[in-house]
PDB file of N, CA and C in Angstrom:
ATOM      1  N   MET A   1       6.972  12.567  -2.472  1.00  0.00           N
ATOM      2  CA  MET A   1       5.640  13.065  -2.717  1.00  0.00           C
ATOM      3  C   MET A   1       4.736  12.678  -1.553  1.00  0.00           C
ATOM      4  N   THR A   2       3.719  13.457  -1.394  1.00  0.00           N
ATOM      5  CA  THR A   2       2.729  13.190  -0.367  1.00  0.00           C
ATOM      6  C   THR A   2       1.373  12.995  -1.036  1.00  0.00           C
ATOM      7  N   PRO A   3       0.651  11.932  -0.678  1.00  0.00           N
ATOM      8  CA  PRO A   3      -0.685  11.726  -1.244  1.00  0.00           C
ATOM      9  C   PRO A   3      -1.585  12.931  -1.000  1.00  0.00           C
ATOM     10  N   LYS A   4      -2.483  13.183  -1.942  1.00  0.00           N
ATOM     11  CA  LYS A   4      -3.386  14.332  -1.850  1.00  0.00           C
ATOM     12  C   LYS A   4      -4.682  13.997  -1.127  1.00  0.00           C
ATOM     13  N   PHE A   5      -5.183  12.770  -1.318  1.00  0.00           N
ATOM     14  CA  PHE A   5      -6.443  12.384  -0.696  1.00  0.00           C
ATOM     15  C   PHE A   5      -6.498  10.881  -0.468  1.00  0.00           C
ATOM     16  N   LYS A   6      -7.518  10.428   0.245  1.00  0.00           N
ATOM     17  CA  LYS A   6      -7.681   9.005   0.551  1.00  0.00           C
ATOM     18  C   LYS A   6      -7.944   8.214  -0.726  1.00  0.00           C
ATOM     19  N   ALA A   7      -7.420   6.985  -0.742  1.00  0.00           N
ATOM     20  CA  ALA A   7      -7.651   6.109  -1.889  1.00  0.00           C
ATOM     21  C   ALA A   7      -7.527   4.661  -1.435  1.00  0.00           C
ATOM     22  N   GLN A   8      -8.055   3.765  -2.259  1.00  0.00           N
ATOM     23  CA  GLN A   8      -7.942   2.346  -1.948  1.00  0.00           C
ATOM     24  C   GLN A   8      -7.827   1.530  -3.226  1.00  0.00           C
ATOM     25  N   ALA A   9      -7.334   0.301  -3.058  1.00  0.00           N
ATOM     26  CA  ALA A   9      -7.241  -0.644  -4.165  1.00  0.00           C
ATOM     27  C   ALA A   9      -7.322  -2.046  -3.578  1.00  0.00           C
ATOM     28  N   GLY A  10      -7.876  -2.969  -4.350  1.00  0.00           N
ATOM     29  CA  GLY A  10      -7.952  -4.358  -3.923  1.00  0.00           C
ATOM     30  C   GLY A  10      -9.302  -4.727  -3.342  1.00  0.00           C
ATOM     31  N   THR A  11      -9.394  -5.992  -2.921  1.00  0.00           N
ATOM     32  CA  THR A  11     -10.635  -6.529  -2.368  1.00  0.00           C
ATOM     33  C   THR A  11     -10.322  -7.351  -1.123  1.00  0.00           C
ATOM     34  N   PHE A  12     -11.370  -7.838  -0.474  1.00  0.00           N
ATOM     35  CA  PHE A  12     -11.213  -8.714   0.682  1.00  0.00           C
ATOM     36  C   PHE A  12     -11.306 -10.185   0.281  1.00  0.00           C
ATOM     37  N   GLU A  13     -11.224 -10.459  -1.009  1.00  0.00           N
ATOM     38  CA  GLU A  13     -11.305 -11.832  -1.497  1.00  0.00           C
ATOM     39  C   GLU A  13     -10.041 -12.609  -1.152  1.00  0.00           C
ATOM     40  N   SER A  14     -10.143 -13.918  -1.166  1.00  0.00           N
ATOM     41  CA  SER A  14      -8.991 -14.775  -0.929  1.00  0.00           C
ATOM     42  C   SER A  14      -7.910 -14.504  -1.967  1.00  0.00           C
ATOM     43  N   SER A  15      -6.659 -14.527  -1.557  1.00  0.00           N
ATOM     44  CA  SER A  15      -5.486 -14.283  -2.419  1.00  0.00           C
ATOM     45  C   SER A  15      -5.403 -12.848  -2.929  1.00  0.00           C
ATOM     46  N   ASP A  16      -6.017 -11.904  -2.229  1.00  0.00           N
ATOM     47  CA  ASP A  16      -5.940 -10.494  -2.603  1.00  0.00           C
ATOM     48  C   ASP A  16      -5.573  -9.691  -1.349  1.00  0.00           C
ATOM     49  N   ILE A  17      -5.407  -8.401  -1.543  1.00  0.00           N
ATOM     50  CA  ILE A  17      -5.075  -7.502  -0.443  1.00  0.00           C
ATOM     51  C   ILE A  17      -5.805  -6.180  -0.664  1.00  0.00           C
ATOM     52  N   MET A  18      -6.384  -5.647   0.391  1.00  0.00           N
ATOM     53  CA  MET A  18      -7.033  -4.334   0.337  1.00  0.00           C
ATOM     54  C   MET A  18      -6.034  -3.328   0.889  1.00  0.00           C
ATOM     55  N   VAL A  19      -5.732  -2.312   0.088  1.00  0.00           N
ATOM     56  CA  VAL A  19      -4.787  -1.274   0.499  1.00  0.00           C
ATOM     57  C   VAL A  19      -5.532   0.049   0.578  1.00  0.00           C
ATOM     58  N   LEU A  20      -5.489   0.673   1.745  1.00  0.00           N
ATOM     59  CA  LEU A  20      -6.104   1.981   1.962  1.00  0.00           C
ATOM     60  C   LEU A  20      -4.987   2.968   2.277  1.00  0.00           C
ATOM     61  N   ILE A  21      -5.032   4.133   1.632  1.00  0.00           N
ATOM     62  CA  ILE A  21      -4.007   5.162   1.821  1.00  0.00           C
ATOM     63  C   ILE A  21      -4.678   6.471   2.192  1.00  0.00           C
ATOM     64  N   GLU A  22      -4.070   7.165   3.152  1.00  0.00           N
ATOM     65  CA  GLU A  22      -4.536   8.507   3.476  1.00  0.00           C
ATOM     66  C   GLU A  22      -3.334   9.385   3.787  1.00  0.00           C
ATOM     67  N   PRO A  23      -3.385  10.640   3.356  1.00  0.00           N
ATOM     68  CA  PRO A  23      -2.283  11.557   3.659  1.00  0.00           C
ATOM     69  C   PRO A  23      -2.258  11.900   5.142  1.00  0.00           C
ATOM     70  N   VAL A  24      -1.070  12.222   5.636  1.00  0.00           N
ATOM     71  CA  VAL A  24      -0.909  12.680   7.017  1.00  0.00           C
ATOM     72  C   VAL A  24      -0.134  13.994   6.985  1.00  0.00           C
ATOM     73  N   ALA A  25      -0.009  14.627   8.120  1.00  0.00           N
ATOM     74  CA  ALA A  25       0.664  15.928   8.197  1.00  0.00           C
ATOM     75  C   ALA A  25       2.109  15.841   7.709  1.00  0.00           C
ATOM     76  N   GLU A  26       2.577  16.913   7.112  1.00  0.00           N
ATOM     77  CA  GLU A  26       3.962  17.017   6.629  1.00  0.00           C
ATOM     78  C   GLU A  26       4.933  16.698   7.758  1.00  0.00           C
ATOM     79  N   GLY A  27       5.909  15.855   7.473  1.00  0.00           N
ATOM     80  CA  GLY A  27       6.907  15.486   8.466  1.00  0.00           C
ATOM     81  C   GLY A  27       6.523  14.308   9.341  1.00  0.00           C
ATOM     82  N   SER A  28       5.340  13.742   9.127  1.00  0.00           N
ATOM     83  CA  SER A  28       4.882  12.609   9.939  1.00  0.00           C
ATOM     84  C   SER A  28       5.519  11.286   9.526  1.00  0.00           C
ATOM     85  N   GLY A  29       5.993  11.218   8.284  1.00  0.00           N
ATOM     86  CA  GLY A  29       6.600   9.987   7.793  1.00  0.00           C
ATOM     87  C   GLY A  29       5.571   8.959   7.381  1.00  0.00           C
ATOM     88  N   ARG A  30       6.014   7.712   7.323  1.00  0.00           N
ATOM     89  CA  ARG A  30       5.149   6.612   6.909  1.00  0.00           C
ATOM     90  C   ARG A  30       4.659   5.826   8.115  1.00  0.00           C
ATOM     91  N   GLN A  31       3.395   5.492   8.064  1.00  0.00           N
ATOM     92  CA  GLN A  31       2.840   4.573   9.041  1.00  0.00           C
ATOM     93  C   GLN A  31       2.177   3.455   8.254  1.00  0.00           C
ATOM     94  N   VAL A  32       2.678   2.242   8.392  1.00  0.00           N
ATOM     95  CA  VAL A  32       2.154   1.096   7.669  1.00  0.00           C
ATOM     96  C   VAL A  32       1.565   0.115   8.675  1.00  0.00           C
ATOM     97  N   ASP A  33       0.260  -0.118   8.569  1.00  0.00           N
ATOM     98  CA  ASP A  33      -0.444  -1.068   9.433  1.00  0.00           C
ATOM     99  C   ASP A  33      -0.883  -2.257   8.592  1.00  0.00           C
ATOM    100  N   ILE A  34      -0.509  -3.447   9.044  1.00  0.00           N
ATOM    101  CA  ILE A  34      -0.813  -4.655   8.283  1.00  0.00           C
ATOM    102  C   ILE A  34      -1.613  -5.623   9.145  1.00  0.00           C
ATOM    103  N   SER A  35      -2.662  -6.169   8.561  1.00  0.00           N
ATOM    104  CA  SER A  35      -3.337  -7.320   9.154  1.00  0.00           C
ATOM    105  C   SER A  35      -3.404  -8.370   8.053  1.00  0.00           C
ATOM    106  N   SER A  36      -3.138  -9.617   8.425  1.00  0.00           N
ATOM    107  CA  SER A  36      -3.033 -10.658   7.412  1.00  0.00           C
ATOM    108  C   SER A  36      -3.400 -12.012   7.977  1.00  0.00           C
ATOM    109  N   THR A  37      -3.928 -12.861   7.110  1.00  0.00           N
ATOM    110  CA  THR A  37      -4.215 -14.237   7.503  1.00  0.00           C
ATOM    111  C   THR A  37      -2.930 -15.046   7.617  1.00  0.00           C
ATOM    112  N   VAL A  38      -1.840 -14.525   7.079  1.00  0.00           N
ATOM    113  CA  VAL A  38      -0.537 -15.201   7.136  1.00  0.00           C
ATOM    114  C   VAL A  38       0.490 -14.308   7.849  1.00  0.00           C
ATOM    115  N   MET A  39       0.026 -13.580   8.837  1.00  0.00           N
ATOM    116  CA  MET A  39       0.852 -12.597   9.542  1.00  0.00           C
ATOM    117  C   MET A  39       2.113 -13.213  10.156  1.00  0.00           C
ATOM    118  N   LEU A  40       1.990 -14.327  10.818  1.00  0.00           N
ATOM    119  CA  LEU A  40       3.138 -14.926  11.500  1.00  0.00           C
ATOM    120  C   LEU A  40       4.254 -15.304  10.530  1.00  0.00           C
ATOM    121  N   GLN A  41       3.901 -15.812   9.369  1.00  0.00           N
ATOM    122  CA  GLN A  41       4.904 -16.257   8.416  1.00  0.00           C
ATOM    123  C   GLN A  41       5.448 -15.132   7.548  1.00  0.00           C
ATOM    124  N   PHE A  42       4.622 -14.169   7.161  1.00  0.00           N
ATOM    125  CA  PHE A  42       5.006 -13.244   6.096  1.00  0.00           C
ATOM    126  C   PHE A  42       4.895 -11.760   6.413  1.00  0.00           C
ATOM    127  N   GLU A  43       4.716 -11.377   7.665  1.00  0.00           N
ATOM    128  CA  GLU A  43       4.553  -9.954   7.989  1.00  0.00           C
ATOM    129  C   GLU A  43       5.726  -9.115   7.483  1.00  0.00           C
ATOM    130  N   GLU A  44       6.940  -9.544   7.729  1.00  0.00           N
ATOM    131  CA  GLU A  44       8.119  -8.770   7.315  1.00  0.00           C
ATOM    132  C   GLU A  44       8.236  -8.695   5.796  1.00  0.00           C
ATOM    133  N   ASP A  45       7.908  -9.774   5.103  1.00  0.00           N
ATOM    134  CA  ASP A  45       7.952  -9.770   3.639  1.00  0.00           C
ATOM    135  C   ASP A  45       6.912  -8.813   3.052  1.00  0.00           C
ATOM    136  N   ILE A  46       5.713  -8.825   3.629  1.00  0.00           N
ATOM    137  CA  ILE A  46       4.658  -7.923   3.155  1.00  0.00           C
ATOM    138  C   ILE A  46       5.070  -6.472   3.387  1.00  0.00           C
ATOM    139  N   LYS A  47       5.578  -6.175   4.583  1.00  0.00           N
ATOM    140  CA  LYS A  47       6.001  -4.814   4.914  1.00  0.00           C
ATOM    141  C   LYS A  47       7.141  -4.363   3.994  1.00  0.00           C
ATOM    142  N   ALA A  48       8.103  -5.249   3.725  1.00  0.00           N
ATOM    143  CA  ALA A  48       9.222  -4.910   2.841  1.00  0.00           C
ATOM    144  C   ALA A  48       8.729  -4.637   1.421  1.00  0.00           C
ATOM    145  N   CYS A  49       7.795  -5.421   0.962  1.00  0.00           N
ATOM    146  CA  CYS A  49       7.230  -5.240  -0.388  1.00  0.00           C
ATOM    147  C   CYS A  49       6.513  -3.887  -0.492  1.00  0.00           C
ATOM    148  N   ILE A  50       5.707  -3.566   0.508  1.00  0.00           N
ATOM    149  CA  ILE A  50       4.982  -2.293   0.523  1.00  0.00           C
ATOM    150  C   ILE A  50       5.966  -1.126   0.545  1.00  0.00           C
ATOM    151  N   ASN A  51       6.962  -1.198   1.426  1.00  0.00           N
ATOM    152  CA  ASN A  51       7.939  -0.113   1.526  1.00  0.00           C
ATOM    153  C   ASN A  51       8.783   0.022   0.265  1.00  0.00           C
ATOM    154  N   GLN A  52       9.044  -1.080  -0.420  1.00  0.00           N
ATOM    155  CA  GLN A  52       9.788  -1.019  -1.678  1.00  0.00           C
ATOM    156  C   GLN A  52       9.030  -0.183  -2.715  1.00  0.00           C
ATOM    157  N   VAL A  53       7.734  -0.427  -2.835  1.00  0.00           N
ATOM    158  CA  VAL A  53       6.924   0.342  -3.787  1.00  0.00           C
ATOM    159  C   VAL A  53       6.874   1.811  -3.371  1.00  0.00           C
ATOM    160  N   LEU A  54       6.685   2.076  -2.087  1.00  0.00           N
ATOM    161  CA  LEU A  54       6.648   3.462  -1.611  1.00  0.00           C
ATOM    162  C   LEU A  54       7.984   4.163  -1.843  1.00  0.00           C
ATOM    163  N   ASP A  55       9.096   3.435  -1.662  1.00  0.00           N
ATOM    164  CA  ASP A  55      10.422   4.010  -1.929  1.00  0.00           C
ATOM    165  C   ASP A  55      10.592   4.370  -3.397  1.00  0.00           C
ATOM    166  N   VAL A  56      10.224   3.445  -4.286  1.00  0.00           N
ATOM    167  CA  VAL A  56      10.361   3.676  -5.727  1.00  0.00           C
ATOM    168  C   VAL A  56       9.528   4.877  -6.163  1.00  0.00           C
ATOM    169  N   MET A  57       8.341   5.010  -5.582  1.00  0.00           N
ATOM    170  CA  MET A  57       7.444   6.103  -5.951  1.00  0.00           C
ATOM    171  C   MET A  57       7.716   7.367  -5.132  1.00  0.00           C
ATOM    172  N   GLU A  58       8.703   7.306  -4.225  1.00  0.00           N
ATOM    173  CA  GLU A  58       9.114   8.440  -3.393  1.00  0.00           C
ATOM    174  C   GLU A  58       7.952   9.013  -2.589  1.00  0.00           C
ATOM    175  N   ILE A  59       7.222   8.129  -1.917  1.00  0.00           N
ATOM    176  CA  ILE A  59       6.055   8.529  -1.131  1.00  0.00           C
ATOM    177  C   ILE A  59       6.430   8.645   0.340  1.00  0.00           C
ATOM    178  N   GLU A  60       6.133   9.764   0.930  1.00  0.00           N
ATOM    179  CA  GLU A  60       6.331  10.016   2.353  1.00  0.00           C
ATOM    180  C   GLU A  60       5.030  10.581   2.922  1.00  0.00           C
ATOM    181  N   ASN A  61       4.981  10.724   4.228  1.00  0.00           N
ATOM    182  CA  ASN A  61       3.827  11.324   4.904  1.00  0.00           C
ATOM    183  C   ASN A  61       2.525  10.646   4.493  1.00  0.00           C
ATOM    184  N   VAL A  62       2.459   9.348   4.803  1.00  0.00           N
ATOM    185  CA  VAL A  62       1.302   8.558   4.411  1.00  0.00           C
ATOM    186  C   VAL A  62       0.961   7.559   5.515  1.00  0.00           C
ATOM    187  N   HIS A  63      -0.315   7.309   5.653  1.00  0.00           N
ATOM    188  CA  HIS A  63      -0.796   6.225   6.505  1.00  0.00           C
ATOM    189  C   HIS A  63      -1.370   5.177   5.565  1.00  0.00           C
ATOM    190  N   LEU A  64      -0.775   3.987   5.567  1.00  0.00           N
ATOM    191  CA  LEU A  64      -1.204   2.907   4.689  1.00  0.00           C
ATOM    192  C   LEU A  64      -1.703   1.756   5.549  1.00  0.00           C
ATOM    193  N   ILE A  65      -2.897   1.289   5.237  1.00  0.00           N
ATOM    194  CA  ILE A  65      -3.484   0.147   5.926  1.00  0.00           C
ATOM    195  C   ILE A  65      -3.619  -0.973   4.900  1.00  0.00           C
ATOM    196  N   ALA A  66      -3.033  -2.129   5.203  1.00  0.00           N
ATOM    197  CA  ALA A  66      -3.093  -3.281   4.310  1.00  0.00           C
ATOM    198  C   ALA A  66      -3.818  -4.419   5.018  1.00  0.00           C
ATOM    199  N   LYS A  67      -4.876  -4.916   4.397  1.00  0.00           N
ATOM    200  CA  LYS A  67      -5.629  -6.051   4.933  1.00  0.00           C
ATOM    201  C   LYS A  67      -5.471  -7.192   3.942  1.00  0.00           C
ATOM    202  N   ASP A  68      -4.576  -8.111   4.282  1.00  0.00           N
ATOM    203  CA  ASP A  68      -4.147  -9.164   3.367  1.00  0.00           C
ATOM    204  C   ASP A  68      -4.905 -10.467   3.585  1.00  0.00           C
ATOM    205  N   LYS A  69      -5.216 -11.117   2.479  1.00  0.00           N
ATOM    206  CA  LYS A  69      -5.859 -12.430   2.508  1.00  0.00           C
ATOM    207  C   LYS A  69      -5.015 -13.445   1.738  1.00  0.00           C
ATOM    208  N   GLY A  70      -3.682 -13.337   1.879  1.00  0.00           N
ATOM    209  CA  GLY A  70      -2.784 -14.294   1.242  1.00  0.00           C
ATOM    210  C   GLY A  70      -2.336 -13.901  -0.150  1.00  0.00           C
ATOM    211  N   ALA A  71      -2.244 -12.610  -0.426  1.00  0.00           N
ATOM    212  CA  ALA A  71      -1.842 -12.132  -1.754  1.00  0.00           C
ATOM    213  C   ALA A  71      -0.368 -12.437  -2.023  1.00  0.00           C
ATOM    214  N   LEU A  72      -0.066 -12.712  -3.280  1.00  0.00           N
ATOM    215  CA  LEU A  72       1.314 -12.912  -3.709  1.00  0.00           C
ATOM    216  C   LEU A  72       1.991 -11.557  -3.918  1.00  0.00           C
ATOM    217  N   THR A  73       3.318 -11.563  -3.945  1.00  0.00           N
ATOM    218  CA  THR A  73       4.106 -10.330  -4.065  1.00  0.00           C
ATOM    219  C   THR A  73       3.673  -9.447  -5.235  1.00  0.00           C
ATOM    220  N   PRO A  74       3.494  -9.976  -6.462  1.00  0.00           N
ATOM    221  CA  PRO A  74       3.076  -9.090  -7.565  1.00  0.00           C
ATOM    222  C   PRO A  74       1.725  -8.413  -7.309  1.00  0.00           C
ATOM    223  N   THR A  75       0.833  -9.116  -6.634  1.00  0.00           N
ATOM    224  CA  THR A  75      -0.477  -8.540  -6.316  1.00  0.00           C
ATOM    225  C   THR A  75      -0.328  -7.421  -5.302  1.00  0.00           C
ATOM    226  N   ILE A  76       0.501  -7.639  -4.288  1.00  0.00           N
ATOM    227  CA  ILE A  76       0.736  -6.613  -3.271  1.00  0.00           C
ATOM    228  C   ILE A  76       1.301  -5.357  -3.924  1.00  0.00           C
ATOM    229  N   LYS A  77       2.309  -5.531  -4.771  1.00  0.00           N
ATOM    230  CA  LYS A  77       2.927  -4.379  -5.443  1.00  0.00           C
ATOM    231  C   LYS A  77       1.919  -3.636  -6.314  1.00  0.00           C
ATOM    232  N   ALA A  78       1.113  -4.374  -7.052  1.00  0.00           N
ATOM    233  CA  ALA A  78       0.123  -3.747  -7.936  1.00  0.00           C
ATOM    234  C   ALA A  78      -0.921  -2.974  -7.146  1.00  0.00           C
ATOM    235  N   ARG A  79      -1.382  -3.535  -6.042  1.00  0.00           N
ATOM    236  CA  ARG A  79      -2.400  -2.858  -5.234  1.00  0.00           C
ATOM    237  C   ARG A  79      -1.847  -1.593  -4.577  1.00  0.00           C
ATOM    238  N   VAL A  80      -0.627  -1.666  -4.064  1.00  0.00           N
ATOM    239  CA  VAL A  80      -0.020  -0.480  -3.447  1.00  0.00           C
ATOM    240  C   VAL A  80       0.183   0.601  -4.502  1.00  0.00           C
ATOM    241  N   GLU A  81       0.725   0.225  -5.662  1.00  0.00           N
ATOM    242  CA  GLU A  81       0.947   1.200  -6.729  1.00  0.00           C
ATOM    243  C   GLU A  81      -0.355   1.849  -7.165  1.00  0.00           C
ATOM    244  N   THR A  82      -1.399   1.046  -7.328  1.00  0.00           N
ATOM    245  CA  THR A  82      -2.693   1.580  -7.752  1.00  0.00           C
ATOM    246  C   THR A  82      -3.262   2.536  -6.715  1.00  0.00           C
ATOM    247  N   ALA A  83      -3.204   2.162  -5.444  1.00  0.00           N
ATOM    248  CA  ALA A  83      -3.722   3.035  -4.388  1.00  0.00           C
ATOM    249  C   ALA A  83      -2.953   4.343  -4.332  1.00  0.00           C
ATOM    250  N   VAL A  84      -1.628   4.270  -4.471  1.00  0.00           N
ATOM    251  CA  VAL A  84      -0.808   5.494  -4.458  1.00  0.00           C
ATOM    252  C   VAL A  84      -1.181   6.388  -5.627  1.00  0.00           C
ATOM    253  N   LYS A  85      -1.270   5.816  -6.813  1.00  0.00           N
ATOM    254  CA  LYS A  85      -1.608   6.621  -7.996  1.00  0.00           C
ATOM    255  C   LYS A  85      -2.990   7.248  -7.868  1.00  0.00           C
ATOM    256  N   ARG A  86      -3.927   6.522  -7.313  1.00  0.00           N
ATOM    257  CA  ARG A  86      -5.259   7.094  -7.092  1.00  0.00           C
ATOM    258  C   ARG A  86      -5.189   8.243  -6.090  1.00  0.00           C
ATOM    259  N   SER A  87      -4.371   8.091  -5.063  1.00  0.00           N
ATOM    260  CA  SER A  87      -4.265   9.148  -4.045  1.00  0.00           C
ATOM    261  C   SER A  87      -3.547  10.383  -4.575  1.00  0.00           C
ATOM    262  N   LEU A  88      -2.762  10.216  -5.625  1.00  0.00           N
ATOM    263  CA  LEU A  88      -2.066  11.343  -6.251  1.00  0.00           C
ATOM    264  C   LEU A  88      -2.849  11.921  -7.428  1.00  0.00           C
ATOM    265  N   GLY A  89      -3.939  11.259  -7.804  1.00  0.00           N
ATOM    266  CA  GLY A  89      -4.729  11.713  -8.945  1.00  0.00           C
ATOM    267  C   GLY A  89      -4.162  11.254 -10.272  1.00  0.00           C
ATOM    268  N   ILE A  90      -3.283  10.240 -10.247  1.00  0.00           N
ATOM    269  CA  ILE A  90      -2.692   9.688 -11.478  1.00  0.00           C
ATOM    270  C   ILE A  90      -3.459   8.425 -11.813  1.00  0.00           C
ATOM    271  N   GLN A  91      -3.991   8.318 -13.013  1.00  0.00           N
ATOM    272  CA  GLN A  91      -4.815   7.178 -13.349  1.00  0.00           C
ATOM    273  C   GLN A  91      -4.243   6.255 -14.413  1.00  0.00           C
ATOM    274  N   GLU A  92      -3.180   6.658 -15.107  1.00  0.00           N
ATOM    275  CA  GLU A  92      -2.707   5.802 -16.178  1.00  0.00           C
ATOM    276  C   GLU A  92      -1.235   5.483 -16.044  1.00  0.00           C
ATOM    277  N   GLY A  93      -0.820   4.374 -16.664  1.00  0.00           N
ATOM    278  CA  GLY A  93       0.575   3.968 -16.654  1.00  0.00           C
ATOM    279  C   GLY A  93       0.957   3.181 -15.424  1.00  0.00           C
ATOM    280  N   THR A  94       2.060   2.434 -15.529  1.00  0.00           N
ATOM    281  CA  THR A  94       2.564   1.646 -14.418  1.00  0.00           C
ATOM    282  C   THR A  94       4.054   1.841 -14.303  1.00  0.00           C
ATOM    283  N   LEU A  95       4.639   1.314 -13.232  1.00  0.00           N
ATOM    284  CA  LEU A  95       6.091   1.411 -13.040  1.00  0.00           C
ATOM    285  C   LEU A  95       6.822   0.547 -14.027  1.00  0.00           C
TER     286      LEU A  95
END
């Protein structure tokens, strides 16, 4: 699936993550940009967590920007899922 419009989830508070999603042209694939206060230690883990949620939800052709302030894995997954659902116009239910 491809997102329909821009969406976001999360905050800039400590222990949270702000996830912004925007659709891109068909065939562009995924572009994931991460900035984090714990980038050196956890960049690969954060990227893997984000891609896992996108894989499960079958999302392609998306630009995702994640601004992390030390969020735990369940928080990252919840924020990505919420942003994706908002970008698809889906408002209820979870994985």
